[in-house]
């Protein structure tokens, strides 16, 4: 079963699909990584933070890790092999 596209899970799935493809291709990767970082922060505070403060206790360690990895990619840029290397 797939969630409806109008639901929050469907919207986040579509964002992850589009943004992930843009990051892999290196096309508008700074903006895509920034959006992905914001989505991971939103997912952490919406789903994991109510269960506890520390990510190791509430199961949100992967969301926090991906948030900071995407934030690093947004700051560092796509690299030399990207489609648009700006």
C-alpha atoms as a PDB file:
ATOM      1  CA  UNK A   1       0.000   0.000   0.000  1.00  0.00           C
ATOM      2  CA  UNK A   2       1.184   3.489  -0.862  1.00  0.00           C
ATOM      3  CA  UNK A   3       0.160   6.613   1.031  1.00  0.00           C
ATOM      4  CA  UNK A   4      -1.997   9.155  -0.720  1.00  0.00           C
ATOM      5  CA  UNK A   5      -0.029  11.938  -2.397  1.00  0.00           C
ATOM      6  CA  UNK A   6      -2.052  14.542  -0.531  1.00  0.00           C
ATOM      7  CA  UNK A   7      -1.015  13.135   2.850  1.00  0.00           C
ATOM      8  CA  UNK A   8       2.098  14.250   4.694  1.00  0.00           C
ATOM      9  CA  UNK A   9       3.836  10.931   4.026  1.00  0.00           C
ATOM     10  CA  UNK A  10       3.059  11.186   0.315  1.00  0.00           C
ATOM     11  CA  UNK A  11       4.293  14.755   0.099  1.00  0.00           C
ATOM     12  CA  UNK A  12       7.522  13.933   1.924  1.00  0.00           C
ATOM     13  CA  UNK A  13       8.032  10.923  -0.330  1.00  0.00           C
ATOM     14  CA  UNK A  14       7.688  13.055  -3.434  1.00  0.00           C
ATOM     15  CA  UNK A  15      10.053  15.680  -1.997  1.00  0.00           C
ATOM     16  CA  UNK A  16      12.611  12.983  -1.175  1.00  0.00           C
ATOM     17  CA  UNK A  17      12.311  11.461  -4.654  1.00  0.00           C
ATOM     18  CA  UNK A  18      12.760  14.740  -6.530  1.00  0.00           C
ATOM     19  CA  UNK A  19      15.372  16.237  -4.228  1.00  0.00           C
ATOM     20  CA  UNK A  20      17.351  12.993  -4.067  1.00  0.00           C
ATOM     21  CA  UNK A  21      17.480  12.779  -7.847  1.00  0.00           C
ATOM     22  CA  UNK A  22      18.611  16.406  -8.098  1.00  0.00           C
ATOM     23  CA  UNK A  23      21.371  15.845  -5.539  1.00  0.00           C
ATOM     24  CA  UNK A  24      22.620  12.694  -7.261  1.00  0.00           C
ATOM     25  CA  UNK A  25      22.677  14.397 -10.654  1.00  0.00           C
ATOM     26  CA  UNK A  26      24.200  17.581  -9.286  1.00  0.00           C
ATOM     27  CA  UNK A  27      21.480  19.740 -10.785  1.00  0.00           C
ATOM     28  CA  UNK A  28      20.560  22.637  -8.482  1.00  0.00           C
ATOM     29  CA  UNK A  29      22.114  20.558  -5.730  1.00  0.00           C
ATOM     30  CA  UNK A  30      22.657  23.405  -3.265  1.00  0.00           C
ATOM     31  CA  UNK A  31      18.966  24.292  -3.249  1.00  0.00           C
ATOM     32  CA  UNK A  32      17.931  20.641  -3.271  1.00  0.00           C
ATOM     33  CA  UNK A  33      20.191  19.820  -0.332  1.00  0.00           C
ATOM     34  CA  UNK A  34      18.846  22.818   1.577  1.00  0.00           C
ATOM     35  CA  UNK A  35      15.261  21.636   1.020  1.00  0.00           C
ATOM     36  CA  UNK A  36      16.224  18.091   2.035  1.00  0.00           C
ATOM     37  CA  UNK A  37      17.894  19.400   5.191  1.00  0.00           C
ATOM     38  CA  UNK A  38      14.765  21.320   6.104  1.00  0.00           C
ATOM     39  CA  UNK A  39      12.629  18.270   5.491  1.00  0.00           C
ATOM     40  CA  UNK A  40      14.791  16.150   7.764  1.00  0.00           C
ATOM     41  CA  UNK A  41      14.646  18.805  10.494  1.00  0.00           C
ATOM     42  CA  UNK A  42      10.865  18.962  10.108  1.00  0.00           C
ATOM     43  CA  UNK A  43      10.628  15.159  10.288  1.00  0.00           C
ATOM     44  CA  UNK A  44      12.758  15.071  13.427  1.00  0.00           C
ATOM     45  CA  UNK A  45      10.780  17.713  15.277  1.00  0.00           C
ATOM     46  CA  UNK A  46       7.440  16.331  14.160  1.00  0.00           C
ATOM     47  CA  UNK A  47       7.990  12.611  14.685  1.00  0.00           C
ATOM     48  CA  UNK A  48      10.909  12.082  17.069  1.00  0.00           C
ATOM     49  CA  UNK A  49      11.256  15.124  19.316  1.00  0.00           C
ATOM     50  CA  UNK A  50       7.942  14.567  21.167  1.00  0.00           C
ATOM     51  CA  UNK A  51       9.295  11.207  22.400  1.00  0.00           C
ATOM     52  CA  UNK A  52      12.356  12.736  24.049  1.00  0.00           C
ATOM     53  CA  UNK A  53      15.064  15.363  23.784  1.00  0.00           C
ATOM     54  CA  UNK A  54      18.119  13.327  22.770  1.00  0.00           C
ATOM     55  CA  UNK A  55      18.211  11.712  19.299  1.00  0.00           C
ATOM     56  CA  UNK A  56      19.773   8.495  20.611  1.00  0.00           C
ATOM     57  CA  UNK A  57      16.843   8.021  22.973  1.00  0.00           C
ATOM     58  CA  UNK A  58      13.952   8.944  20.688  1.00  0.00           C
ATOM     59  CA  UNK A  59      15.111   7.146  17.517  1.00  0.00           C
ATOM     60  CA  UNK A  60      15.783  10.320  15.570  1.00  0.00           C
ATOM     61  CA  UNK A  61      19.521   9.896  15.132  1.00  0.00           C
ATOM     62  CA  UNK A  62      19.255   9.127  11.411  1.00  0.00           C
ATOM     63  CA  UNK A  63      17.039  12.172  10.789  1.00  0.00           C
ATOM     64  CA  UNK A  64      19.501  14.461  12.578  1.00  0.00           C
ATOM     65  CA  UNK A  65      22.446  12.899  10.746  1.00  0.00           C
ATOM     66  CA  UNK A  66      20.824  13.343   7.332  1.00  0.00           C
ATOM     67  CA  UNK A  67      19.809  16.892   8.254  1.00  0.00           C
ATOM     68  CA  UNK A  68      23.410  17.886   8.922  1.00  0.00           C
ATOM     69  CA  UNK A  69      24.765  15.952   5.922  1.00  0.00           C
ATOM     70  CA  UNK A  70      22.350  17.754   3.596  1.00  0.00           C
ATOM     71  CA  UNK A  71      23.179  21.064   5.258  1.00  0.00           C
ATOM     72  CA  UNK A  72      26.868  20.388   4.596  1.00  0.00           C
ATOM     73  CA  UNK A  73      26.117  19.576   0.946  1.00  0.00           C
ATOM     74  CA  UNK A  74      24.158  22.814   0.668  1.00  0.00           C
ATOM     75  CA  UNK A  75      27.133  24.777   1.971  1.00  0.00           C
ATOM     76  CA  UNK A  76      29.918  22.866   0.191  1.00  0.00           C
ATOM     77  CA  UNK A  77      28.320  22.543  -3.233  1.00  0.00           C
ATOM     78  CA  UNK A  78      27.959  19.697  -5.657  1.00  0.00           C
ATOM     79  CA  UNK A  79      31.564  19.017  -6.615  1.00  0.00           C
ATOM     80  CA  UNK A  80      33.385  18.761  -9.905  1.00  0.00           C
ATOM     81  CA  UNK A  81      31.255  16.056 -11.543  1.00  0.00           C
ATOM     82  CA  UNK A  82      27.908  17.813 -11.218  1.00  0.00           C
ATOM     83  CA  UNK A  83      25.771  18.805 -14.191  1.00  0.00           C
ATOM     84  CA  UNK A  84      25.870  22.448 -13.134  1.00  0.00           C
ATOM     85  CA  UNK A  85      28.964  22.971 -11.023  1.00  0.00           C
ATOM     86  CA  UNK A  86      28.108  26.378  -9.588  1.00  0.00           C
END
